[in-house]
C-alpha cells in the first residue's frame, strides 16, 4: 500500500488527480489537506467533498488549511475553472461542511507524517502555503517523509499567470521558496512547461469522458467550462501549441502513484525568485551550482503518456 497525503486547491485538474488516486487499489489516502488557490478555500472544501462523494469515499478525512498566501495578494483561477472551481455546475446534493475534520490541515499534516515515518508520499497540487507553515512549526518534517511530488513552477520562464510565473508558485512565492529550500526529502516537480508538452489529444479526452459511469458523467460536467476554454485558439497557442488538453495536476499525482511513469528527469538545485518585477514567483534552476544547494530536486522531463492515459481511463471506471 502506498500511503499518500494530498494537498489540494480543488479545481478541475485537482479533481482529476484525486479521482485517479481514489481509483487505485494499491493507494491509501491518509488525508486530504485543503488550501486556497484555484478558488477560495470554502469552495475548495466543498469541491473536495463533492469528489469524494461521487467516488463513494467520504470516509477519507478532509482538513481545512490556509485561506490565503503568506505575503502575496490573493488571486484565483476562476476564469478557467469557474468561480466555484468545478465549472460552475450546480450541485444541490453536495455534502455539507460538517463532514470536515475539526483538526486544522497543518496540524493534521504534521501528525499523519509523524505517525507513519518514512512511509508517506506528500503530493502538492496547490499553492504551497500549507507545506510552508507545516515546516515552520515542525522543521524535522522532511526527514520523516518518503517523498514529495509537486505540480508547480517552471523551467523555461514560461508563465501562465504572470510573464514568467506558473500559478501555484506565483500565488504564494514565499511559500514555494520555503518548501524548495527546506524540504530535503526526495522531491519531484511536474512543471508548467512539462505539462504543456505532455498534453492529451482531444480524441482521447472524448473517449475518456464518454465512459458510461457516474464518475465520467461528473467529470464531463465539471470539465466542460475549462475544456471549452482550453480549446480556444488563444489558449492552445499559449499553453499546448495546439496539441490538446493539459491535465496539469494529474501528472504529479500519477508519478507519485507509479514512479515508473517517469521516463526522463534531471536532478538540479532550484529556488524561487521573490523580488523581480517580471520574474517574482519564477522557479530558478541552478545549473552552475552557484547556490551550493545540497537538496536538489528531480525535475520531470517526460512520462509514458500511454501508461498515463490508461491510469486516466481507469480513474473514471
C-alpha atoms as a PDB file:
ATOM      1  CA  UNK A   1       0.000   0.000   0.000  1.00  0.00           C
ATOM      2  CA  UNK A   2       1.321   3.442  -0.958  1.00  0.00           C
ATOM      3  CA  UNK A   3       0.419   5.974   1.723  1.00  0.00           C
ATOM      4  CA  UNK A   4      -0.454   9.397   0.320  1.00  0.00           C
ATOM      5  CA  UNK A   5      -1.398  12.759   1.745  1.00  0.00           C
ATOM      6  CA  UNK A   6      -2.785  15.027  -0.959  1.00  0.00           C
ATOM      7  CA  UNK A   7      -2.696  18.821  -0.599  1.00  0.00           C
ATOM      8  CA  UNK A   8      -5.224  20.387  -2.967  1.00  0.00           C
ATOM      9  CA  UNK A   9      -6.974  23.563  -4.098  1.00  0.00           C
ATOM     10  CA  UNK A  10      -9.606  21.575  -5.929  1.00  0.00           C
ATOM     11  CA  UNK A  11     -10.248  22.853  -9.390  1.00  0.00           C
ATOM     12  CA  UNK A  12     -10.943  20.578 -12.331  1.00  0.00           C
ATOM     13  CA  UNK A  13      -7.403  19.194 -12.691  1.00  0.00           C
ATOM     14  CA  UNK A  14      -7.104  18.568  -8.926  1.00  0.00           C
ATOM     15  CA  UNK A  15     -10.390  16.661  -9.151  1.00  0.00           C
ATOM     16  CA  UNK A  16      -8.962  14.561 -11.983  1.00  0.00           C
ATOM     17  CA  UNK A  17      -5.853  13.846  -9.883  1.00  0.00           C
ATOM     18  CA  UNK A  18      -7.818  12.969  -6.757  1.00  0.00           C
ATOM     19  CA  UNK A  19     -10.101  10.599  -8.677  1.00  0.00           C
ATOM     20  CA  UNK A  20      -7.032   8.855 -10.080  1.00  0.00           C
ATOM     21  CA  UNK A  21      -5.683   8.270  -6.569  1.00  0.00           C
ATOM     22  CA  UNK A  22      -9.078   7.103  -5.312  1.00  0.00           C
ATOM     23  CA  UNK A  23      -9.367   4.531  -8.109  1.00  0.00           C
ATOM     24  CA  UNK A  24      -6.037   2.820  -7.368  1.00  0.00           C
ATOM     25  CA  UNK A  25      -6.442  -0.225  -5.080  1.00  0.00           C
ATOM     26  CA  UNK A  26      -2.790  -0.009  -4.014  1.00  0.00           C
ATOM     27  CA  UNK A  27      -3.116   3.554  -2.681  1.00  0.00           C
ATOM     28  CA  UNK A  28      -4.156   4.519   0.833  1.00  0.00           C
ATOM     29  CA  UNK A  29      -5.044   8.203   1.175  1.00  0.00           C
ATOM     30  CA  UNK A  30      -4.360   9.113   4.795  1.00  0.00           C
ATOM     31  CA  UNK A  31      -5.955  12.512   4.437  1.00  0.00           C
ATOM     32  CA  UNK A  32      -6.648  15.451   2.145  1.00  0.00           C
ATOM     33  CA  UNK A  33      -5.466  18.905   3.193  1.00  0.00           C
ATOM     34  CA  UNK A  34      -7.123  21.868   1.520  1.00  0.00           C
ATOM     35  CA  UNK A  35      -5.607  25.212   0.583  1.00  0.00           C
ATOM     36  CA  UNK A  36      -6.897  28.320  -1.183  1.00  0.00           C
ATOM     37  CA  UNK A  37      -5.832  28.588  -4.827  1.00  0.00           C
ATOM     38  CA  UNK A  38      -7.928  27.852  -7.895  1.00  0.00           C
ATOM     39  CA  UNK A  39     -10.905  29.084  -5.901  1.00  0.00           C
ATOM     40  CA  UNK A  40     -11.472  30.458  -2.357  1.00  0.00           C
ATOM     41  CA  UNK A  41     -10.929  27.966   0.483  1.00  0.00           C
ATOM     42  CA  UNK A  42     -14.619  27.352   1.255  1.00  0.00           C
ATOM     43  CA  UNK A  43     -15.181  26.266  -2.351  1.00  0.00           C
ATOM     44  CA  UNK A  44     -12.106  24.015  -2.179  1.00  0.00           C
ATOM     45  CA  UNK A  45     -13.573  22.281   0.875  1.00  0.00           C
ATOM     46  CA  UNK A  46     -16.967  21.805  -0.800  1.00  0.00           C
ATOM     47  CA  UNK A  47     -15.360  20.583  -4.014  1.00  0.00           C
ATOM     48  CA  UNK A  48     -13.203  18.031  -2.211  1.00  0.00           C
ATOM     49  CA  UNK A  49     -16.269  16.557  -0.544  1.00  0.00           C
ATOM     50  CA  UNK A  50     -18.137  16.522  -3.870  1.00  0.00           C
ATOM     51  CA  UNK A  51     -15.359  14.477  -5.490  1.00  0.00           C
ATOM     52  CA  UNK A  52     -15.216  12.081  -2.550  1.00  0.00           C
ATOM     53  CA  UNK A  53     -18.983  11.619  -2.679  1.00  0.00           C
ATOM     54  CA  UNK A  54     -19.078  10.683  -6.365  1.00  0.00           C
ATOM     55  CA  UNK A  55     -16.314   8.162  -5.651  1.00  0.00           C
ATOM     56  CA  UNK A  56     -18.083   6.808  -2.539  1.00  0.00           C
ATOM     57  CA  UNK A  57     -15.113   7.720  -0.344  1.00  0.00           C
ATOM     58  CA  UNK A  58     -16.439  10.223   2.172  1.00  0.00           C
ATOM     59  CA  UNK A  59     -14.641   8.130   4.795  1.00  0.00           C
ATOM     60  CA  UNK A  60     -11.363   9.867   3.885  1.00  0.00           C
ATOM     61  CA  UNK A  61     -10.622  12.746   6.300  1.00  0.00           C
ATOM     62  CA  UNK A  62     -10.596  16.270   4.837  1.00  0.00           C
ATOM     63  CA  UNK A  63      -8.879  19.146   6.637  1.00  0.00           C
ATOM     64  CA  UNK A  64      -9.275  22.910   6.349  1.00  0.00           C
ATOM     65  CA  UNK A  65      -5.998  24.664   5.610  1.00  0.00           C
ATOM     66  CA  UNK A  66      -4.728  28.136   4.766  1.00  0.00           C
ATOM     67  CA  UNK A  67      -7.163  30.630   3.263  1.00  0.00           C
ATOM     68  CA  UNK A  68      -4.539  32.995   1.858  1.00  0.00           C
ATOM     69  CA  UNK A  69      -0.837  33.349   0.996  1.00  0.00           C
ATOM     70  CA  UNK A  70       1.930  34.184   3.453  1.00  0.00           C
ATOM     71  CA  UNK A  71       2.582  37.657   1.991  1.00  0.00           C
ATOM     72  CA  UNK A  72       1.333  37.902  -1.591  1.00  0.00           C
ATOM     73  CA  UNK A  73      -2.049  39.390  -2.581  1.00  0.00           C
ATOM     74  CA  UNK A  74      -4.802  36.820  -3.111  1.00  0.00           C
ATOM     75  CA  UNK A  75      -5.601  35.570  -6.599  1.00  0.00           C
ATOM     76  CA  UNK A  76      -7.595  32.667  -8.064  1.00  0.00           C
ATOM     77  CA  UNK A  77      -8.203  30.916 -11.381  1.00  0.00           C
ATOM     78  CA  UNK A  78     -11.954  31.399 -11.672  1.00  0.00           C
ATOM     79  CA  UNK A  79     -11.692  32.400 -15.336  1.00  0.00           C
ATOM     80  CA  UNK A  80     -10.528  28.876 -16.170  1.00  0.00           C
ATOM     81  CA  UNK A  81     -12.021  26.564 -13.520  1.00  0.00           C
ATOM     82  CA  UNK A  82     -15.211  28.541 -12.925  1.00  0.00           C
ATOM     83  CA  UNK A  83     -15.990  30.752  -9.945  1.00  0.00           C
ATOM     84  CA  UNK A  84     -16.723  27.706  -7.772  1.00  0.00           C
ATOM     85  CA  UNK A  85     -13.640  25.835  -9.048  1.00  0.00           C
ATOM     86  CA  UNK A  86     -15.620  22.995 -10.637  1.00  0.00           C
ATOM     87  CA  UNK A  87     -17.073  24.539 -13.761  1.00  0.00           C
ATOM     88  CA  UNK A  88     -19.967  26.349 -12.033  1.00  0.00           C
ATOM     89  CA  UNK A  89     -22.145  23.236 -12.233  1.00  0.00           C
ATOM     90  CA  UNK A  90     -24.928  23.404  -9.587  1.00  0.00           C
ATOM     91  CA  UNK A  91     -24.926  20.533  -7.085  1.00  0.00           C
ATOM     92  CA  UNK A  92     -27.896  20.735  -4.708  1.00  0.00           C
ATOM     93  CA  UNK A  93     -26.930  17.410  -3.128  1.00  0.00           C
ATOM     94  CA  UNK A  94     -23.342  18.394  -2.303  1.00  0.00           C
ATOM     95  CA  UNK A  95     -22.121  17.136   1.087  1.00  0.00           C
ATOM     96  CA  UNK A  96     -22.141  19.665   3.926  1.00  0.00           C
ATOM     97  CA  UNK A  97     -19.035  21.135   5.518  1.00  0.00           C
ATOM     98  CA  UNK A  98     -19.960  19.470   8.822  1.00  0.00           C
ATOM     99  CA  UNK A  99     -18.168  16.413   7.392  1.00  0.00           C
ATOM    100  CA  UNK A 100     -14.815  18.203   7.674  1.00  0.00           C
ATOM    101  CA  UNK A 101     -12.386  17.187  10.417  1.00  0.00           C
ATOM    102  CA  UNK A 102     -12.102  19.559  13.364  1.00  0.00           C
ATOM    103  CA  UNK A 103      -8.298  19.444  13.310  1.00  0.00           C
ATOM    104  CA  UNK A 104      -6.656  22.045  11.050  1.00  0.00           C
ATOM    105  CA  UNK A 105      -4.777  20.911   7.949  1.00  0.00           C
ATOM    106  CA  UNK A 106      -1.256  21.869   9.042  1.00  0.00           C
ATOM    107  CA  UNK A 107      -1.630  20.166  12.427  1.00  0.00           C
ATOM    108  CA  UNK A 108      -3.090  17.067  10.768  1.00  0.00           C
ATOM    109  CA  UNK A 109      -0.337  17.014   8.137  1.00  0.00           C
ATOM    110  CA  UNK A 110       2.366  17.003  10.794  1.00  0.00           C
ATOM    111  CA  UNK A 111       0.607  14.327  12.857  1.00  0.00           C
ATOM    112  CA  UNK A 112      -0.039  11.972   9.925  1.00  0.00           C
ATOM    113  CA  UNK A 113       3.582  12.140   8.776  1.00  0.00           C
ATOM    114  CA  UNK A 114       4.923  11.598  12.320  1.00  0.00           C
ATOM    115  CA  UNK A 115       2.660   8.575  12.779  1.00  0.00           C
ATOM    116  CA  UNK A 116       3.963   6.997   9.546  1.00  0.00           C
ATOM    117  CA  UNK A 117       7.686   7.878   9.470  1.00  0.00           C
ATOM    118  CA  UNK A 118       9.375   7.130   6.159  1.00  0.00           C
ATOM    119  CA  UNK A 119       6.152   5.823   4.605  1.00  0.00           C
ATOM    120  CA  UNK A 120       4.231   8.897   3.433  1.00  0.00           C
ATOM    121  CA  UNK A 121       4.383  10.442  -0.021  1.00  0.00           C
ATOM    122  CA  UNK A 122       3.061  14.000   0.026  1.00  0.00           C
ATOM    123  CA  UNK A 123       1.505  15.251  -3.217  1.00  0.00           C
ATOM    124  CA  UNK A 124       1.033  19.026  -3.539  1.00  0.00           C
ATOM    125  CA  UNK A 125      -1.184  20.316  -6.348  1.00  0.00           C
ATOM    126  CA  UNK A 126      -1.991  23.689  -4.759  1.00  0.00           C
ATOM    127  CA  UNK A 127      -0.061  26.781  -3.695  1.00  0.00           C
ATOM    128  CA  UNK A 128       2.474  25.522  -1.147  1.00  0.00           C
ATOM    129  CA  UNK A 129       1.201  27.539   1.822  1.00  0.00           C
ATOM    130  CA  UNK A 130       0.132  24.583   3.988  1.00  0.00           C
ATOM    131  CA  UNK A 131       3.506  22.902   3.454  1.00  0.00           C
ATOM    132  CA  UNK A 132       5.445  26.073   4.266  1.00  0.00           C
ATOM    133  CA  UNK A 133       3.545  26.639   7.514  1.00  0.00           C
ATOM    134  CA  UNK A 134       3.968  22.977   8.471  1.00  0.00           C
ATOM    135  CA  UNK A 135       7.752  23.085   8.212  1.00  0.00           C
ATOM    136  CA  UNK A 136       7.863  26.336  10.164  1.00  0.00           C
ATOM    137  CA  UNK A 137       6.098  24.525  13.012  1.00  0.00           C
ATOM    138  CA  UNK A 138       7.955  21.219  12.613  1.00  0.00           C
ATOM    139  CA  UNK A 139      11.391  21.670  10.946  1.00  0.00           C
ATOM    140  CA  UNK A 140      12.171  17.929  11.094  1.00  0.00           C
ATOM    141  CA  UNK A 141       9.148  17.040   8.932  1.00  0.00           C
ATOM    142  CA  UNK A 142      11.039  16.326   5.664  1.00  0.00           C
ATOM    143  CA  UNK A 143      13.207  13.713   7.399  1.00  0.00           C
ATOM    144  CA  UNK A 144      10.044  11.711   8.079  1.00  0.00           C
ATOM    145  CA  UNK A 145       8.666  11.932   4.522  1.00  0.00           C
ATOM    146  CA  UNK A 146       9.255   9.254   1.914  1.00  0.00           C
ATOM    147  CA  UNK A 147       8.917  11.735  -0.960  1.00  0.00           C
ATOM    148  CA  UNK A 148       7.289  14.973  -2.087  1.00  0.00           C
ATOM    149  CA  UNK A 149       5.660  15.459  -5.503  1.00  0.00           C
ATOM    150  CA  UNK A 150       4.778  18.995  -6.596  1.00  0.00           C
ATOM    151  CA  UNK A 151       2.864  20.371  -9.557  1.00  0.00           C
ATOM    152  CA  UNK A 152       4.180  23.877  -9.994  1.00  0.00           C
ATOM    153  CA  UNK A 153       6.982  26.126 -11.101  1.00  0.00           C
ATOM    154  CA  UNK A 154       8.603  26.322 -14.495  1.00  0.00           C
ATOM    155  CA  UNK A 155      11.835  25.546 -16.282  1.00  0.00           C
ATOM    156  CA  UNK A 156      11.809  27.922 -19.267  1.00  0.00           C
ATOM    157  CA  UNK A 157      10.454  31.102 -17.600  1.00  0.00           C
ATOM    158  CA  UNK A 158       7.174  30.465 -19.433  1.00  0.00           C
ATOM    159  CA  UNK A 159       4.327  31.904 -17.396  1.00  0.00           C
ATOM    160  CA  UNK A 160       0.646  31.081 -17.274  1.00  0.00           C
ATOM    161  CA  UNK A 161      -0.300  33.725 -14.697  1.00  0.00           C
ATOM    162  CA  UNK A 162       2.416  36.370 -14.983  1.00  0.00           C
ATOM    163  CA  UNK A 163       5.060  36.885 -17.659  1.00  0.00           C
ATOM    164  CA  UNK A 164       7.396  34.323 -16.101  1.00  0.00           C
ATOM    165  CA  UNK A 165       5.310  32.689 -13.377  1.00  0.00           C
ATOM    166  CA  UNK A 166       3.270  29.493 -13.010  1.00  0.00           C
ATOM    167  CA  UNK A 167       0.036  29.821 -10.996  1.00  0.00           C
ATOM    168  CA  UNK A 168       0.800  27.708  -7.895  1.00  0.00           C
ATOM    169  CA  UNK A 169       4.187  29.355  -7.309  1.00  0.00           C
ATOM    170  CA  UNK A 170       3.081  32.899  -8.203  1.00  0.00           C
ATOM    171  CA  UNK A 171       0.073  32.634  -5.899  1.00  0.00           C
ATOM    172  CA  UNK A 172       2.400  32.217  -2.899  1.00  0.00           C
ATOM    173  CA  UNK A 173       6.041  32.761  -3.907  1.00  0.00           C
ATOM    174  CA  UNK A 174       7.301  32.885  -0.311  1.00  0.00           C
ATOM    175  CA  UNK A 175       5.727  29.507   0.440  1.00  0.00           C
ATOM    176  CA  UNK A 176       7.260  27.980  -2.697  1.00  0.00           C
ATOM    177  CA  UNK A 177      10.664  29.406  -1.718  1.00  0.00           C
ATOM    178  CA  UNK A 178      10.429  27.924   1.790  1.00  0.00           C
ATOM    179  CA  UNK A 179       9.354  24.490   0.559  1.00  0.00           C
ATOM    180  CA  UNK A 180      12.092  24.221  -2.080  1.00  0.00           C
ATOM    181  CA  UNK A 181      14.642  25.447   0.444  1.00  0.00           C
ATOM    182  CA  UNK A 182      13.724  23.315   3.454  1.00  0.00           C
ATOM    183  CA  UNK A 183      12.089  20.097   2.228  1.00  0.00           C
ATOM    184  CA  UNK A 184      15.149  17.873   1.947  1.00  0.00           C
ATOM    185  CA  UNK A 185      13.267  14.641   1.191  1.00  0.00           C
ATOM    186  CA  UNK A 186      13.346  13.292  -2.400  1.00  0.00           C
ATOM    187  CA  UNK A 187      11.333  15.910  -4.305  1.00  0.00           C
ATOM    188  CA  UNK A 188       9.850  15.563  -7.790  1.00  0.00           C
ATOM    189  CA  UNK A 189       8.429  18.518  -9.701  1.00  0.00           C
ATOM    190  CA  UNK A 190       5.997  18.432 -12.611  1.00  0.00           C
ATOM    191  CA  UNK A 191       6.418  21.920 -14.047  1.00  0.00           C
ATOM    192  CA  UNK A 192       4.135  24.005 -16.208  1.00  0.00           C
ATOM    193  CA  UNK A 193       6.159  23.583 -19.407  1.00  0.00           C
ATOM    194  CA  UNK A 194       6.409  19.826 -18.863  1.00  0.00           C
ATOM    195  CA  UNK A 195       2.627  19.577 -18.554  1.00  0.00           C
ATOM    196  CA  UNK A 196       2.201  21.641 -21.736  1.00  0.00           C
ATOM    197  CA  UNK A 197       4.482  19.288 -23.657  1.00  0.00           C
ATOM    198  CA  UNK A 198       2.571  16.288 -22.271  1.00  0.00           C
ATOM    199  CA  UNK A 199      -0.915  17.443 -23.251  1.00  0.00           C
ATOM    200  CA  UNK A 200      -3.600  14.930 -24.215  1.00  0.00           C
ATOM    201  CA  UNK A 201      -5.174  14.656 -27.693  1.00  0.00           C
ATOM    202  CA  UNK A 202      -8.791  15.799 -27.815  1.00  0.00           C
ATOM    203  CA  UNK A 203      -9.768  12.457 -29.350  1.00  0.00           C
ATOM    204  CA  UNK A 204      -8.527  10.737 -26.165  1.00  0.00           C
ATOM    205  CA  UNK A 205     -10.404  13.212 -23.951  1.00  0.00           C
ATOM    206  CA  UNK A 206     -13.647  12.436 -25.800  1.00  0.00           C
ATOM    207  CA  UNK A 207     -13.117   8.709 -25.274  1.00  0.00           C
ATOM    208  CA  UNK A 208     -12.127   9.220 -21.625  1.00  0.00           C
ATOM    209  CA  UNK A 209     -15.196  11.289 -20.770  1.00  0.00           C
ATOM    210  CA  UNK A 210     -17.678   9.194 -22.768  1.00  0.00           C
ATOM    211  CA  UNK A 211     -17.342   6.160 -20.485  1.00  0.00           C
ATOM    212  CA  UNK A 212     -20.764   5.108 -19.189  1.00  0.00           C
ATOM    213  CA  UNK A 213     -20.168   5.650 -15.485  1.00  0.00           C
ATOM    214  CA  UNK A 214     -21.303   8.127 -12.845  1.00  0.00           C
ATOM    215  CA  UNK A 215     -17.696   9.281 -12.391  1.00  0.00           C
ATOM    216  CA  UNK A 216     -17.290  10.008 -16.101  1.00  0.00           C
ATOM    217  CA  UNK A 217     -20.591  11.909 -16.206  1.00  0.00           C
ATOM    218  CA  UNK A 218     -19.454  14.005 -13.222  1.00  0.00           C
ATOM    219  CA  UNK A 219     -16.053  14.718 -14.779  1.00  0.00           C
ATOM    220  CA  UNK A 220     -17.614  15.624 -18.118  1.00  0.00           C
ATOM    221  CA  UNK A 221     -19.931  18.161 -16.441  1.00  0.00           C
ATOM    222  CA  UNK A 222     -17.294  19.862 -14.338  1.00  0.00           C
ATOM    223  CA  UNK A 223     -14.726  19.858 -17.195  1.00  0.00           C
ATOM    224  CA  UNK A 224     -16.956  21.460 -19.811  1.00  0.00           C
ATOM    225  CA  UNK A 225     -16.044  25.068 -18.991  1.00  0.00           C
ATOM    226  CA  UNK A 226     -12.291  24.503 -18.721  1.00  0.00           C
ATOM    227  CA  UNK A 227     -12.142  22.311 -21.808  1.00  0.00           C
ATOM    228  CA  UNK A 228     -14.070  24.878 -23.836  1.00  0.00           C
ATOM    229  CA  UNK A 229     -11.590  27.490 -22.647  1.00  0.00           C
ATOM    230  CA  UNK A 230      -8.684  25.146 -23.386  1.00  0.00           C
ATOM    231  CA  UNK A 231      -9.869  24.611 -26.963  1.00  0.00           C
ATOM    232  CA  UNK A 232      -9.727  28.314 -27.752  1.00  0.00           C
ATOM    233  CA  UNK A 233      -7.106  29.316 -30.270  1.00  0.00           C
ATOM    234  CA  UNK A 234      -5.538  31.774 -27.839  1.00  0.00           C
ATOM    235  CA  UNK A 235      -5.179  29.197 -25.052  1.00  0.00           C
ATOM    236  CA  UNK A 236      -3.831  26.489 -27.346  1.00  0.00           C
ATOM    237  CA  UNK A 237      -1.196  28.886 -28.654  1.00  0.00           C
ATOM    238  CA  UNK A 238      -0.214  29.981 -25.127  1.00  0.00           C
ATOM    239  CA  UNK A 239      -0.104  26.593 -23.453  1.00  0.00           C
ATOM    240  CA  UNK A 240      -0.002  23.449 -25.551  1.00  0.00           C
ATOM    241  CA  UNK A 241       0.932  24.710 -29.021  1.00  0.00           C
ATOM    242  CA  UNK A 242      -2.213  23.157 -30.442  1.00  0.00           C
ATOM    243  CA  UNK A 243      -1.601  19.672 -29.082  1.00  0.00           C
ATOM    244  CA  UNK A 244      -4.665  19.236 -26.849  1.00  0.00           C
ATOM    245  CA  UNK A 245      -5.703  19.262 -23.186  1.00  0.00           C
ATOM    246  CA  UNK A 246      -3.260  19.987 -20.352  1.00  0.00           C
ATOM    247  CA  UNK A 247      -4.054  17.789 -17.327  1.00  0.00           C
ATOM    248  CA  UNK A 248      -1.667  19.824 -15.066  1.00  0.00           C
ATOM    249  CA  UNK A 249      -2.013  18.449 -11.526  1.00  0.00           C
ATOM    250  CA  UNK A 250      -2.740  14.906 -12.621  1.00  0.00           C
ATOM    251  CA  UNK A 251       0.826  14.299 -13.813  1.00  0.00           C
ATOM    252  CA  UNK A 252       2.338  14.845 -10.362  1.00  0.00           C
ATOM    253  CA  UNK A 253      -0.220  12.564  -8.739  1.00  0.00           C
ATOM    254  CA  UNK A 254       0.226   9.852 -11.371  1.00  0.00           C
ATOM    255  CA  UNK A 255       4.000   9.914 -10.896  1.00  0.00           C
ATOM    256  CA  UNK A 256       3.573   9.662  -7.116  1.00  0.00           C
ATOM    257  CA  UNK A 257       1.400   6.566  -7.546  1.00  0.00           C
ATOM    258  CA  UNK A 258       3.663   4.926 -10.125  1.00  0.00           C
ATOM    259  CA  UNK A 259       7.178   6.327 -10.478  1.00  0.00           C
ATOM    260  CA  UNK A 260       7.848   4.062 -13.464  1.00  0.00           C
ATOM    261  CA  UNK A 261       5.622   6.515 -15.335  1.00  0.00           C
ATOM    262  CA  UNK A 262       8.595   8.936 -15.414  1.00  0.00           C
ATOM    263  CA  UNK A 263      10.799   8.218 -18.434  1.00  0.00           C
ATOM    264  CA  UNK A 264      13.195  11.161 -18.110  1.00  0.00           C
ATOM    265  CA  UNK A 265      14.094  13.600 -15.353  1.00  0.00           C
ATOM    266  CA  UNK A 266      17.027  15.739 -14.285  1.00  0.00           C
ATOM    267  CA  UNK A 267      18.426  16.454 -10.834  1.00  0.00           C
ATOM    268  CA  UNK A 268      19.172  20.123 -10.197  1.00  0.00           C
ATOM    269  CA  UNK A 269      19.186  22.720  -7.450  1.00  0.00           C
ATOM    270  CA  UNK A 270      16.229  25.102  -7.614  1.00  0.00           C
ATOM    271  CA  UNK A 271      14.923  28.170  -5.862  1.00  0.00           C
ATOM    272  CA  UNK A 272      12.190  30.780  -6.360  1.00  0.00           C
ATOM    273  CA  UNK A 273      12.672  34.418  -7.341  1.00  0.00           C
ATOM    274  CA  UNK A 274      10.968  36.716  -4.829  1.00  0.00           C
ATOM    275  CA  UNK A 275      11.721  40.287  -5.905  1.00  0.00           C
ATOM    276  CA  UNK A 276      11.887  40.566  -9.710  1.00  0.00           C
ATOM    277  CA  UNK A 277       9.436  42.948 -11.358  1.00  0.00           C
ATOM    278  CA  UNK A 278       8.606  40.395 -14.047  1.00  0.00           C
ATOM    279  CA  UNK A 279      10.064  37.242 -12.504  1.00  0.00           C
ATOM    280  CA  UNK A 280       8.582  37.096  -8.970  1.00  0.00           C
ATOM    281  CA  UNK A 281       7.402  33.528  -8.378  1.00  0.00           C
ATOM    282  CA  UNK A 282       9.503  32.074 -11.185  1.00  0.00           C
ATOM    283  CA  UNK A 283      11.385  28.867 -10.419  1.00  0.00           C
ATOM    284  CA  UNK A 284      15.125  29.233 -10.990  1.00  0.00           C
ATOM    285  CA  UNK A 285      17.292  26.259 -11.999  1.00  0.00           C
ATOM    286  CA  UNK A 286      20.881  26.436 -10.785  1.00  0.00           C
ATOM    287  CA  UNK A 287      22.835  24.523 -13.442  1.00  0.00           C
ATOM    288  CA  UNK A 288      26.067  26.331 -12.489  1.00  0.00           C
ATOM    289  CA  UNK A 289      25.614  25.265  -8.845  1.00  0.00           C
ATOM    290  CA  UNK A 290      26.263  28.780  -7.630  1.00  0.00           C
ATOM    291  CA  UNK A 291      23.661  28.342  -4.886  1.00  0.00           C
ATOM    292  CA  UNK A 292      25.536  25.362  -3.434  1.00  0.00           C
ATOM    293  CA  UNK A 293      22.281  23.572  -2.705  1.00  0.00           C
ATOM    294  CA  UNK A 294      22.589  20.196  -1.001  1.00  0.00           C
ATOM    295  CA  UNK A 295      18.946  19.272  -1.503  1.00  0.00           C
ATOM    296  CA  UNK A 296      18.439  19.125  -5.265  1.00  0.00           C
ATOM    297  CA  UNK A 297      15.106  18.187  -6.839  1.00  0.00           C
ATOM    298  CA  UNK A 298      14.118  15.886  -9.686  1.00  0.00           C
ATOM    299  CA  UNK A 299      12.513  17.883 -12.493  1.00  0.00           C
ATOM    300  CA  UNK A 300      10.282  15.595 -14.558  1.00  0.00           C
ATOM    301  CA  UNK A 301      11.015  15.926 -18.288  1.00  0.00           C
ATOM    302  CA  UNK A 302       8.939  13.183 -19.941  1.00  0.00           C
ATOM    303  CA  UNK A 303       6.454  10.489 -18.948  1.00  0.00           C
ATOM    304  CA  UNK A 304       4.979   7.395 -20.567  1.00  0.00           C
ATOM    305  CA  UNK A 305       1.842   9.008 -21.978  1.00  0.00           C
ATOM    306  CA  UNK A 306       0.205   5.712 -22.919  1.00  0.00           C
ATOM    307  CA  UNK A 307       0.544   4.485 -19.351  1.00  0.00           C
ATOM    308  CA  UNK A 308      -0.778   7.847 -18.137  1.00  0.00           C
ATOM    309  CA  UNK A 309      -3.819   7.556 -20.407  1.00  0.00           C
ATOM    310  CA  UNK A 310      -4.537   4.077 -19.023  1.00  0.00           C
ATOM    311  CA  UNK A 311      -4.488   5.488 -15.479  1.00  0.00           C
ATOM    312  CA  UNK A 312      -6.889   8.252 -16.506  1.00  0.00           C
ATOM    313  CA  UNK A 313      -9.287   5.776 -18.130  1.00  0.00           C
ATOM    314  CA  UNK A 314      -9.331   3.594 -15.013  1.00  0.00           C
ATOM    315  CA  UNK A 315      -9.952   6.623 -12.772  1.00  0.00           C
ATOM    316  CA  UNK A 316     -13.446   7.078 -14.199  1.00  0.00           C
ATOM    317  CA  UNK A 317     -14.483   3.394 -14.335  1.00  0.00           C
END
